[in-house]
Amino acid sequence: MIAFIKGTLFEKTPTYVVIDAHGVGYLLNISLYTYSQLGSQTDLLLHTHMVVKEDAHVLYGFSTEQERSIFRLLISVNGVGPNTARMILNALNPSELHTVIATGNLPALRSIKGIGDKTAQRILIDLKDKIGKSENPLQSPIISAIAHNKNREEALQALVILGFARQAAEKALDKTAKTQGNPDLAVEELIREALKNL
């Protein structure tokens, strides 16, 4: 098991990073929370979780141990795989997710793309006791704004990588821009809001 990877940032997108660790490039799938936490850092240490499939070994990277812990709790729930867990962490940062589970907020979970009633109920039933026992150690992400056009393009690429049709993703981003009325939304915020419209 690989516990963490420390190295130099080689490539960064809202859905993955590539870290050069002693000449080996590791591709780590990340959440929007981790993306927002990285900021402009070039020397990184990401906590990791490896998923071994028949046809691939997939690494997931997390900026905090708390985020990795909640990811591991999510994938322990029957019917929640790594991609679904990452989708949940794209919609809610770890602090928000902690609160949603601890308070049994079913509508908040159901509002996430790809999460139905049964899955949302299983998450709350399976994790409420585990989450509720600890105080919320997680902090909200620090969001930094960059140029709007670049942000929209990065958000669009991320949505396409996540499996959404380009045209549908563009419409969702356009709708987000109209409803938010803020041209300077950060990439992760654009994606979060667009996911509500997909």
C-alpha atoms as a PDB file:
ATOM      1  CA  MET A   1       0.000   0.000   0.000  1.00  0.00           C
ATOM      2  CA  ILE A   2       1.264   3.464  -0.901  1.00  0.00           C
ATOM      3  CA  ALA A   3       0.508   5.816   2.025  1.00  0.00           C
ATOM      4  CA  PHE A   4       1.591   9.089   0.411  1.00  0.00           C
ATOM      5  CA  ILE A   5       3.514  10.520  -2.505  1.00  0.00           C
ATOM      6  CA  LYS A   6       5.860  13.450  -2.093  1.00  0.00           C
ATOM      7  CA  GLY A   7       7.362  15.204  -5.074  1.00  0.00           C
ATOM      8  CA  THR A   8       7.173  18.020  -7.589  1.00  0.00           C
ATOM      9  CA  LEU A   9       3.974  18.951  -9.369  1.00  0.00           C
ATOM     10  CA  PHE A  10       4.246  18.076 -13.066  1.00  0.00           C
ATOM     11  CA  GLU A  11       0.631  18.570 -14.178  1.00  0.00           C
ATOM     12  CA  LYS A  12      -2.546  19.746 -12.440  1.00  0.00           C
ATOM     13  CA  THR A  13      -6.196  19.633 -13.548  1.00  0.00           C
ATOM     14  CA  PRO A  14      -9.403  19.766 -11.451  1.00  0.00           C
ATOM     15  CA  THR A  15      -9.676  15.960 -11.688  1.00  0.00           C
ATOM     16  CA  TYR A  16      -6.087  14.719 -11.403  1.00  0.00           C
ATOM     17  CA  VAL A  17      -2.486  15.681 -10.756  1.00  0.00           C
ATOM     18  CA  VAL A  18       0.777  14.170 -11.919  1.00  0.00           C
ATOM     19  CA  ILE A  19       3.563  14.247  -9.329  1.00  0.00           C
ATOM     20  CA  ASP A  20       7.192  13.661 -10.256  1.00  0.00           C
ATOM     21  CA  ALA A  21       8.693  11.650  -7.408  1.00  0.00           C
ATOM     22  CA  HIS A  22      12.349  10.869  -8.141  1.00  0.00           C
ATOM     23  CA  GLY A  23      11.804  10.679 -11.882  1.00  0.00           C
ATOM     24  CA  VAL A  24       8.586   8.639 -11.761  1.00  0.00           C
ATOM     25  CA  GLY A  25       5.348  10.410 -12.695  1.00  0.00           C
ATOM     26  CA  TYR A  26       2.411   9.317 -10.532  1.00  0.00           C
ATOM     27  CA  LEU A  27      -1.099  10.172 -11.747  1.00  0.00           C
ATOM     28  CA  LEU A  28      -3.439  10.705  -8.801  1.00  0.00           C
ATOM     29  CA  ASN A  29      -7.171  11.269  -9.158  1.00  0.00           C
ATOM     30  CA  ILE A  30      -8.229  14.141  -6.907  1.00  0.00           C
ATOM     31  CA  SER A  31     -11.383  15.874  -5.677  1.00  0.00           C
ATOM     32  CA  LEU A  32     -12.222  19.549  -6.106  1.00  0.00           C
ATOM     33  CA  TYR A  33     -11.422  20.044  -2.427  1.00  0.00           C
ATOM     34  CA  THR A  34      -7.854  18.821  -2.920  1.00  0.00           C
ATOM     35  CA  TYR A  35      -7.567  20.853  -6.133  1.00  0.00           C
ATOM     36  CA  SER A  36      -8.550  24.005  -4.242  1.00  0.00           C
ATOM     37  CA  GLN A  37      -6.114  23.249  -1.410  1.00  0.00           C
ATOM     38  CA  LEU A  38      -3.127  22.853  -3.741  1.00  0.00           C
ATOM     39  CA  GLY A  39      -3.212  26.481  -4.855  1.00  0.00           C
ATOM     40  CA  SER A  40       0.072  27.381  -6.522  1.00  0.00           C
ATOM     41  CA  GLN A  41       2.206  24.855  -4.623  1.00  0.00           C
ATOM     42  CA  THR A  42       4.792  22.982  -6.655  1.00  0.00           C
ATOM     43  CA  ASP A  43       6.263  20.775  -3.911  1.00  0.00           C
ATOM     44  CA  LEU A  44       3.468  18.437  -2.861  1.00  0.00           C
ATOM     45  CA  LEU A  45       2.715  15.696  -0.411  1.00  0.00           C
ATOM     46  CA  LEU A  46      -0.568  13.925  -1.112  1.00  0.00           C
ATOM     47  CA  HIS A  47      -2.017  11.157   1.032  1.00  0.00           C
ATOM     48  CA  THR A  48      -3.040   8.283  -1.207  1.00  0.00           C
ATOM     49  CA  HIS A  49      -5.453   5.415  -1.538  1.00  0.00           C
ATOM     50  CA  MET A  50      -4.866   2.725  -4.165  1.00  0.00           C
ATOM     51  CA  VAL A  51      -7.696   0.833  -5.815  1.00  0.00           C
ATOM     52  CA  VAL A  52      -6.631  -2.392  -7.508  1.00  0.00           C
ATOM     53  CA  LYS A  53      -8.866  -3.521 -10.368  1.00  0.00           C
ATOM     54  CA  GLU A  54      -8.479  -6.401 -12.793  1.00  0.00           C
ATOM     55  CA  ASP A  55      -7.224  -4.084 -15.511  1.00  0.00           C
ATOM     56  CA  ALA A  56      -5.663  -1.176 -13.574  1.00  0.00           C
ATOM     57  CA  HIS A  57      -4.130   0.120 -10.369  1.00  0.00           C
ATOM     58  CA  VAL A  58      -5.702   3.524  -9.683  1.00  0.00           C
ATOM     59  CA  LEU A  59      -4.308   6.064  -7.217  1.00  0.00           C
ATOM     60  CA  TYR A  60      -6.433   8.674  -5.466  1.00  0.00           C
ATOM     61  CA  GLY A  61      -4.731  11.651  -3.834  1.00  0.00           C
ATOM     62  CA  PHE A  62      -5.892  13.777  -0.902  1.00  0.00           C
ATOM     63  CA  SER A  63      -4.561  17.009   0.552  1.00  0.00           C
ATOM     64  CA  THR A  64      -5.459  15.935   4.105  1.00  0.00           C
ATOM     65  CA  GLU A  65      -5.639  12.668   5.996  1.00  0.00           C
ATOM     66  CA  GLN A  66      -9.180  13.613   7.045  1.00  0.00           C
ATOM     67  CA  GLU A  67     -10.333  13.744   3.420  1.00  0.00           C
ATOM     68  CA  ARG A  68      -8.761  10.351   2.755  1.00  0.00           C
ATOM     69  CA  SER A  69     -10.484   8.959   5.856  1.00  0.00           C
ATOM     70  CA  ILE A  70     -13.908  10.139   4.743  1.00  0.00           C
ATOM     71  CA  PHE A  71     -13.226   8.783   1.236  1.00  0.00           C
ATOM     72  CA  ARG A  72     -12.407   5.385   2.757  1.00  0.00           C
ATOM     73  CA  LEU A  73     -15.570   5.508   4.850  1.00  0.00           C
ATOM     74  CA  LEU A  74     -17.622   6.276   1.738  1.00  0.00           C
ATOM     75  CA  ILE A  75     -16.203   3.375  -0.274  1.00  0.00           C
ATOM     76  CA  SER A  76     -16.886   1.036   2.650  1.00  0.00           C
ATOM     77  CA  VAL A  77     -20.602   1.584   2.011  1.00  0.00           C
ATOM     78  CA  ASN A  78     -22.183  -1.087  -0.192  1.00  0.00           C
ATOM     79  CA  GLY A  79     -22.826   0.385  -3.654  1.00  0.00           C
ATOM     80  CA  VAL A  80     -20.396   3.308  -3.324  1.00  0.00           C
ATOM     81  CA  GLY A  81     -17.277   2.906  -5.435  1.00  0.00           C
ATOM     82  CA  PRO A  82     -14.249   5.203  -5.667  1.00  0.00           C
ATOM     83  CA  ASN A  83     -15.672   7.275  -8.532  1.00  0.00           C
ATOM     84  CA  THR A  84     -18.960   7.795  -6.699  1.00  0.00           C
ATOM     85  CA  ALA A  85     -17.078   8.746  -3.537  1.00  0.00           C
ATOM     86  CA  ARG A  86     -15.042  11.273  -5.521  1.00  0.00           C
ATOM     87  CA  MET A  87     -18.247  12.661  -7.071  1.00  0.00           C
ATOM     88  CA  ILE A  88     -19.630  13.148  -3.553  1.00  0.00           C
ATOM     89  CA  LEU A  89     -16.423  14.941  -2.509  1.00  0.00           C
ATOM     90  CA  ASN A  90     -16.698  17.107  -5.628  1.00  0.00           C
ATOM     91  CA  ALA A  91     -20.175  18.231  -4.575  1.00  0.00           C
ATOM     92  CA  LEU A  92     -19.470  18.640  -0.849  1.00  0.00           C
ATOM     93  CA  ASN A  93     -16.152  19.458   0.756  1.00  0.00           C
ATOM     94  CA  PRO A  94     -15.150  17.137   3.633  1.00  0.00           C
ATOM     95  CA  SER A  95     -16.406  19.558   6.272  1.00  0.00           C
ATOM     96  CA  GLU A  96     -19.809  19.879   4.602  1.00  0.00           C
ATOM     97  CA  LEU A  97     -20.037  16.121   4.073  1.00  0.00           C
ATOM     98  CA  HIS A  98     -19.182  15.481   7.716  1.00  0.00           C
ATOM     99  CA  THR A  99     -22.055  17.770   8.751  1.00  0.00           C
ATOM    100  CA  VAL A 100     -24.488  16.244   6.226  1.00  0.00           C
ATOM    101  CA  ILE A 101     -23.815  12.713   7.518  1.00  0.00           C
ATOM    102  CA  ALA A 102     -23.710  13.658  11.204  1.00  0.00           C
ATOM    103  CA  THR A 103     -27.071  15.458  10.942  1.00  0.00           C
ATOM    104  CA  GLY A 104     -28.681  12.844   8.661  1.00  0.00           C
ATOM    105  CA  ASN A 105     -29.347  15.369   5.882  1.00  0.00           C
ATOM    106  CA  LEU A 106     -30.818  13.026   3.256  1.00  0.00           C
ATOM    107  CA  PRO A 107     -31.897  15.744   0.748  1.00  0.00           C
ATOM    108  CA  ALA A 108     -28.323  17.097   0.563  1.00  0.00           C
ATOM    109  CA  LEU A 109     -26.982  13.662  -0.389  1.00  0.00           C
ATOM    110  CA  ARG A 110     -29.825  12.996  -2.839  1.00  0.00           C
ATOM    111  CA  SER A 111     -29.083  16.289  -4.626  1.00  0.00           C
ATOM    112  CA  ILE A 112     -25.672  14.945  -5.728  1.00  0.00           C
ATOM    113  CA  LYS A 113     -25.570  13.676  -9.306  1.00  0.00           C
ATOM    114  CA  GLY A 114     -25.648   9.865  -9.370  1.00  0.00           C
ATOM    115  CA  ILE A 115     -26.802   9.410  -5.758  1.00  0.00           C
ATOM    116  CA  GLY A 116     -30.265   7.883  -5.465  1.00  0.00           C
ATOM    117  CA  ASP A 117     -32.490   7.417  -2.430  1.00  0.00           C
ATOM    118  CA  LYS A 118     -31.188   3.966  -1.528  1.00  0.00           C
ATOM    119  CA  THR A 119     -27.513   4.926  -1.773  1.00  0.00           C
ATOM    120  CA  ALA A 120     -28.063   8.134   0.211  1.00  0.00           C
ATOM    121  CA  GLN A 121     -29.906   6.202   2.926  1.00  0.00           C
ATOM    122  CA  ARG A 122     -27.167   3.530   3.059  1.00  0.00           C
ATOM    123  CA  ILE A 123     -24.489   6.213   3.443  1.00  0.00           C
ATOM    124  CA  LEU A 124     -26.351   7.836   6.332  1.00  0.00           C
ATOM    125  CA  ILE A 125     -27.169   4.536   8.062  1.00  0.00           C
ATOM    126  CA  ASP A 126     -23.673   3.055   7.668  1.00  0.00           C
ATOM    127  CA  LEU A 127     -21.666   6.181   8.481  1.00  0.00           C
ATOM    128  CA  LYS A 128     -23.718   8.265  10.903  1.00  0.00           C
ATOM    129  CA  ASP A 129     -22.383   6.499  14.004  1.00  0.00           C
ATOM    130  CA  LYS A 130     -18.800   6.470  12.717  1.00  0.00           C
ATOM    131  CA  ILE A 131     -18.864  10.152  11.763  1.00  0.00           C
ATOM    132  CA  GLY A 132     -20.929  11.321  14.711  1.00  0.00           C
ATOM    133  CA  LYS A 133     -18.445  10.045  17.288  1.00  0.00           C
ATOM    134  CA  SER A 134     -15.748  12.522  16.310  1.00  0.00           C
ATOM    135  CA  GLU A 135     -15.772  16.283  16.236  1.00  0.00           C
ATOM    136  CA  ASN A 136     -15.522  17.775  12.805  1.00  0.00           C
ATOM    137  CA  PRO A 137     -11.748  18.152  12.212  1.00  0.00           C
ATOM    138  CA  LEU A 138     -12.183  19.224   8.627  1.00  0.00           C
ATOM    139  CA  GLN A 139     -11.845  22.723   7.304  1.00  0.00           C
ATOM    140  CA  SER A 140     -13.520  24.428   4.414  1.00  0.00           C
ATOM    141  CA  PRO A 141     -11.475  24.831   1.271  1.00  0.00           C
ATOM    142  CA  ILE A 142      -9.663  28.052   0.532  1.00  0.00           C
ATOM    143  CA  ILE A 143     -10.807  29.100  -2.898  1.00  0.00           C
ATOM    144  CA  SER A 144      -8.658  31.320  -5.086  1.00  0.00           C
ATOM    145  CA  ALA A 145     -10.059  33.000  -8.174  1.00  0.00           C
ATOM    146  CA  ILE A 146      -8.303  33.032 -11.531  1.00  0.00           C
ATOM    147  CA  ALA A 147      -9.350  34.323 -14.928  1.00  0.00           C
ATOM    148  CA  HIS A 148     -12.967  33.436 -15.798  1.00  0.00           C
ATOM    149  CA  ASN A 149     -12.387  32.089 -19.319  1.00  0.00           C
ATOM    150  CA  LYS A 150      -9.559  29.840 -18.164  1.00  0.00           C
ATOM    151  CA  ASN A 151     -11.679  28.661 -15.240  1.00  0.00           C
ATOM    152  CA  ARG A 152     -14.613  27.833 -17.506  1.00  0.00           C
ATOM    153  CA  GLU A 153     -12.367  25.885 -19.879  1.00  0.00           C
ATOM    154  CA  GLU A 154     -10.790  23.909 -17.021  1.00  0.00           C
ATOM    155  CA  ALA A 155     -14.228  23.219 -15.544  1.00  0.00           C
ATOM    156  CA  LEU A 156     -15.493  22.034 -18.929  1.00  0.00           C
ATOM    157  CA  GLN A 157     -12.511  19.699 -19.379  1.00  0.00           C
ATOM    158  CA  ALA A 158     -13.041  18.293 -15.884  1.00  0.00           C
ATOM    159  CA  LEU A 159     -16.733  17.595 -16.530  1.00  0.00           C
ATOM    160  CA  VAL A 160     -15.895  15.835 -19.798  1.00  0.00           C
ATOM    161  CA  ILE A 161     -13.248  13.731 -17.995  1.00  0.00           C
ATOM    162  CA  LEU A 162     -15.880  12.852 -15.377  1.00  0.00           C
ATOM    163  CA  GLY A 163     -17.988  11.365 -18.187  1.00  0.00           C
ATOM    164  CA  PHE A 164     -20.465  14.092 -19.093  1.00  0.00           C
ATOM    165  CA  ALA A 165     -21.193  14.974 -22.719  1.00  0.00           C
ATOM    166  CA  ARG A 166     -19.388  18.153 -23.783  1.00  0.00           C
ATOM    167  CA  GLN A 167     -22.550  19.874 -25.010  1.00  0.00           C
ATOM    168  CA  ALA A 168     -24.452  19.093 -21.796  1.00  0.00           C
ATOM    169  CA  ALA A 169     -21.494  20.291 -19.710  1.00  0.00           C
ATOM    170  CA  GLU A 170     -21.329  23.564 -21.668  1.00  0.00           C
ATOM    171  CA  LYS A 171     -25.048  24.184 -21.106  1.00  0.00           C
ATOM    172  CA  ALA A 172     -24.676  23.471 -17.389  1.00  0.00           C
ATOM    173  CA  LEU A 173     -21.744  25.896 -17.133  1.00  0.00           C
ATOM    174  CA  ASP A 174     -23.691  28.574 -19.024  1.00  0.00           C
ATOM    175  CA  LYS A 175     -26.646  28.101 -16.692  1.00  0.00           C
ATOM    176  CA  THR A 176     -24.295  28.346 -13.705  1.00  0.00           C
ATOM    177  CA  ALA A 177     -22.849  31.614 -14.996  1.00  0.00           C
ATOM    178  CA  LYS A 178     -26.349  33.085 -15.376  1.00  0.00           C
ATOM    179  CA  THR A 179     -27.689  31.955 -12.006  1.00  0.00           C
ATOM    180  CA  GLN A 180     -24.558  32.849 -10.006  1.00  0.00           C
ATOM    181  CA  GLY A 181     -24.045  36.227 -11.647  1.00  0.00           C
ATOM    182  CA  ASN A 182     -20.355  36.054 -10.762  1.00  0.00           C
ATOM    183  CA  PRO A 183     -17.879  35.872 -13.656  1.00  0.00           C
ATOM    184  CA  ASP A 184     -14.949  35.131 -11.322  1.00  0.00           C
ATOM    185  CA  LEU A 185     -16.045  31.820  -9.815  1.00  0.00           C
ATOM    186  CA  ALA A 186     -13.163  29.444  -9.109  1.00  0.00           C
ATOM    187  CA  VAL A 187     -12.947  26.229 -11.153  1.00  0.00           C
ATOM    188  CA  GLU A 188     -14.104  23.980  -8.319  1.00  0.00           C
ATOM    189  CA  GLU A 189     -17.129  26.216  -7.655  1.00  0.00           C
ATOM    190  CA  LEU A 190     -18.030  26.225 -11.342  1.00  0.00           C
ATOM    191  CA  ILE A 191     -17.895  22.425 -11.393  1.00  0.00           C
ATOM    192  CA  ARG A 192     -19.887  22.054  -8.163  1.00  0.00           C
ATOM    193  CA  GLU A 193     -22.644  24.330  -9.420  1.00  0.00           C
ATOM    194  CA  ALA A 194     -22.637  22.803 -12.905  1.00  0.00           C
ATOM    195  CA  LEU A 195     -23.033  19.296 -11.400  1.00  0.00           C
ATOM    196  CA  LYS A 196     -26.337  20.473  -9.911  1.00  0.00           C
ATOM    197  CA  ASN A 197     -27.545  21.293 -13.430  1.00  0.00           C
ATOM    198  CA  LEU A 198     -26.471  18.042 -15.098  1.00  0.00           C
END
